[in-house]
Structure formats: structure tokens, C-alpha cells
Amino acid sequence: KEAFTAHYFDADGRLRNAPETQTAYLLALAFDLIPEPLRAKAAGHLVEL
């Protein structure tokens, strides 16, 4: 989980090293791959898409 987050998300919960798509955010959130402090930020970026 930590390695996934370090590779694919920045400190603001935005995707990096991957296309920023709804599917990418949804899967990461659904499979609990994003740590709690970044979940709200990542969900916010998802809503922006």
C-alpha cells in the first residue's frame, strides 16, 4: 500500500505516473490503496474530473 501510494500519488492526493482518470481514482479508493490522510484529497480530485 505504501509503495503504491509513493509511486502513484503526490502529497496532495493527485495521481502522478499514470493517466488522471476517474477509473484510476475509483479503483484506488475502492480497493483501499490510498491511506486515510489522502483519501479525501483524492476523492476531491475525482470529483473535479
N, C-alpha and C. Protein backbone atom coordinates (compact mmCIF):
# COMPACT_ATOMS: atom_id res chain seq x y z
N LYS A 1 0.83 -1.19 0.00
CA LYS A 1 0.00 0.00 0.00
C LYS A 1 0.87 1.25 0.00
N GLU A 2 1.89 1.28 0.84
CA GLU A 2 2.78 2.43 0.90
C GLU A 2 3.55 2.62 -0.40
N ALA A 3 4.02 1.52 -0.98
CA ALA A 3 4.76 1.59 -2.24
C ALA A 3 3.84 2.08 -3.36
N PHE A 4 2.60 1.60 -3.40
CA PHE A 4 1.64 2.04 -4.41
C PHE A 4 1.41 3.54 -4.29
N THR A 5 1.15 4.00 -3.08
CA THR A 5 0.90 5.42 -2.86
C THR A 5 2.11 6.26 -3.22
N ALA A 6 3.28 5.83 -2.81
CA ALA A 6 4.50 6.60 -3.11
C ALA A 6 4.75 6.69 -4.61
N HIS A 7 4.41 5.65 -5.34
CA HIS A 7 4.66 5.65 -6.78
C HIS A 7 3.59 6.42 -7.56
N TYR A 8 2.33 6.30 -7.16
CA TYR A 8 1.24 6.83 -7.98
C TYR A 8 0.60 8.13 -7.48
N PHE A 9 0.85 8.54 -6.25
CA PHE A 9 0.19 9.73 -5.73
C PHE A 9 1.20 10.71 -5.15
N ASP A 10 0.91 12.02 -5.32
CA ASP A 10 1.76 13.02 -4.70
C ASP A 10 1.19 13.35 -3.32
N ALA A 11 1.81 14.28 -2.63
CA ALA A 11 1.40 14.62 -1.26
C ALA A 11 0.03 15.28 -1.21
N ASP A 12 -0.46 15.75 -2.36
CA ASP A 12 -1.77 16.40 -2.43
C ASP A 12 -2.87 15.43 -2.84
N GLY A 13 -2.54 14.15 -2.97
CA GLY A 13 -3.54 13.15 -3.34
C GLY A 13 -3.85 13.11 -4.82
N ARG A 14 -3.00 13.74 -5.62
CA ARG A 14 -3.20 13.76 -7.08
C ARG A 14 -2.36 12.65 -7.71
N LEU A 15 -2.94 12.01 -8.71
CA LEU A 15 -2.23 10.95 -9.42
C LEU A 15 -1.01 11.49 -10.16
N ARG A 16 0.04 10.72 -10.14
CA ARG A 16 1.22 11.00 -10.95
C ARG A 16 1.69 9.66 -11.51
N ASN A 17 2.49 9.67 -12.53
CA ASN A 17 2.98 8.44 -13.16
C ASN A 17 1.87 7.57 -13.74
N ALA A 18 0.70 8.15 -13.93
CA ALA A 18 -0.43 7.42 -14.52
C ALA A 18 -1.41 8.44 -15.06
N PRO A 19 -2.20 8.06 -16.06
CA PRO A 19 -3.22 9.00 -16.55
C PRO A 19 -4.21 9.33 -15.44
N GLU A 20 -4.57 10.59 -15.34
CA GLU A 20 -5.50 11.02 -14.31
C GLU A 20 -6.92 10.77 -14.82
N THR A 21 -7.45 9.60 -14.47
CA THR A 21 -8.79 9.21 -14.93
C THR A 21 -9.68 8.90 -13.74
N GLN A 22 -10.99 8.94 -13.98
CA GLN A 22 -11.94 8.58 -12.93
C GLN A 22 -11.71 7.14 -12.48
N THR A 23 -11.45 6.26 -13.43
CA THR A 23 -11.24 4.85 -13.11
C THR A 23 -10.05 4.66 -12.20
N ALA A 24 -8.96 5.36 -12.46
CA ALA A 24 -7.76 5.22 -11.63
C ALA A 24 -8.05 5.63 -10.19
N TYR A 25 -8.74 6.76 -10.01
CA TYR A 25 -9.08 7.20 -8.66
C TYR A 25 -10.06 6.23 -8.00
N LEU A 26 -11.09 5.83 -8.74
CA LEU A 26 -12.11 4.94 -8.17
C LEU A 26 -11.53 3.61 -7.71
N LEU A 27 -10.69 3.01 -8.54
CA LEU A 27 -10.11 1.72 -8.15
C LEU A 27 -9.20 1.86 -6.93
N ALA A 28 -8.40 2.91 -6.91
CA ALA A 28 -7.51 3.11 -5.76
C ALA A 28 -8.32 3.33 -4.48
N LEU A 29 -9.40 4.09 -4.58
CA LEU A 29 -10.25 4.32 -3.41
C LEU A 29 -11.02 3.06 -3.02
N ALA A 30 -11.59 2.37 -4.00
CA ALA A 30 -12.40 1.18 -3.72
C ALA A 30 -11.59 0.05 -3.10
N PHE A 31 -10.35 -0.11 -3.54
CA PHE A 31 -9.52 -1.19 -3.02
C PHE A 31 -8.66 -0.74 -1.83
N ASP A 32 -8.99 0.44 -1.30
CA ASP A 32 -8.33 0.96 -0.09
C ASP A 32 -6.82 1.04 -0.26
N LEU A 33 -6.37 1.51 -1.41
CA LEU A 33 -4.94 1.63 -1.69
C LEU A 33 -4.38 2.99 -1.30
N ILE A 34 -5.25 3.91 -0.95
CA ILE A 34 -4.82 5.26 -0.58
C ILE A 34 -4.96 5.39 0.94
N PRO A 35 -3.91 5.84 1.62
CA PRO A 35 -4.01 5.98 3.08
C PRO A 35 -5.03 7.05 3.48
N GLU A 36 -5.56 6.90 4.65
CA GLU A 36 -6.63 7.77 5.14
C GLU A 36 -6.34 9.27 4.98
N PRO A 37 -5.15 9.75 5.29
CA PRO A 37 -4.91 11.21 5.15
C PRO A 37 -5.07 11.73 3.71
N LEU A 38 -4.90 10.87 2.71
CA LEU A 38 -5.00 11.31 1.32
C LEU A 38 -6.34 10.98 0.67
N ARG A 39 -7.18 10.18 1.33
CA ARG A 39 -8.43 9.73 0.71
C ARG A 39 -9.35 10.89 0.34
N ALA A 40 -9.53 11.84 1.23
CA ALA A 40 -10.42 12.97 0.95
C ALA A 40 -9.87 13.82 -0.19
N LYS A 41 -8.56 14.02 -0.20
CA LYS A 41 -7.95 14.81 -1.28
C LYS A 41 -8.11 14.09 -2.62
N ALA A 42 -7.86 12.79 -2.64
CA ALA A 42 -8.01 12.02 -3.88
C ALA A 42 -9.46 12.04 -4.34
N ALA A 43 -10.39 11.91 -3.41
CA ALA A 43 -11.81 11.96 -3.77
C ALA A 43 -12.17 13.33 -4.34
N GLY A 44 -11.58 14.37 -3.81
CA GLY A 44 -11.81 15.71 -4.35
C GLY A 44 -11.32 15.84 -5.78
N HIS A 45 -10.16 15.26 -6.07
CA HIS A 45 -9.65 15.29 -7.44
C HIS A 45 -10.55 14.48 -8.37
N LEU A 46 -11.09 13.39 -7.86
CA LEU A 46 -12.02 12.58 -8.64
C LEU A 46 -13.25 13.41 -9.01
N VAL A 47 -13.78 14.14 -8.06
CA VAL A 47 -14.97 14.97 -8.30
C VAL A 47 -14.67 16.03 -9.36
N GLU A 48 -13.45 16.57 -9.36
CA GLU A 48 -13.07 17.58 -10.35
C GLU A 48 -13.10 17.03 -11.77
N LEU A 49 -12.84 15.72 -11.91
CA LEU A 49 -12.83 15.13 -13.24
C LEU A 49 -14.24 15.01 -13.74
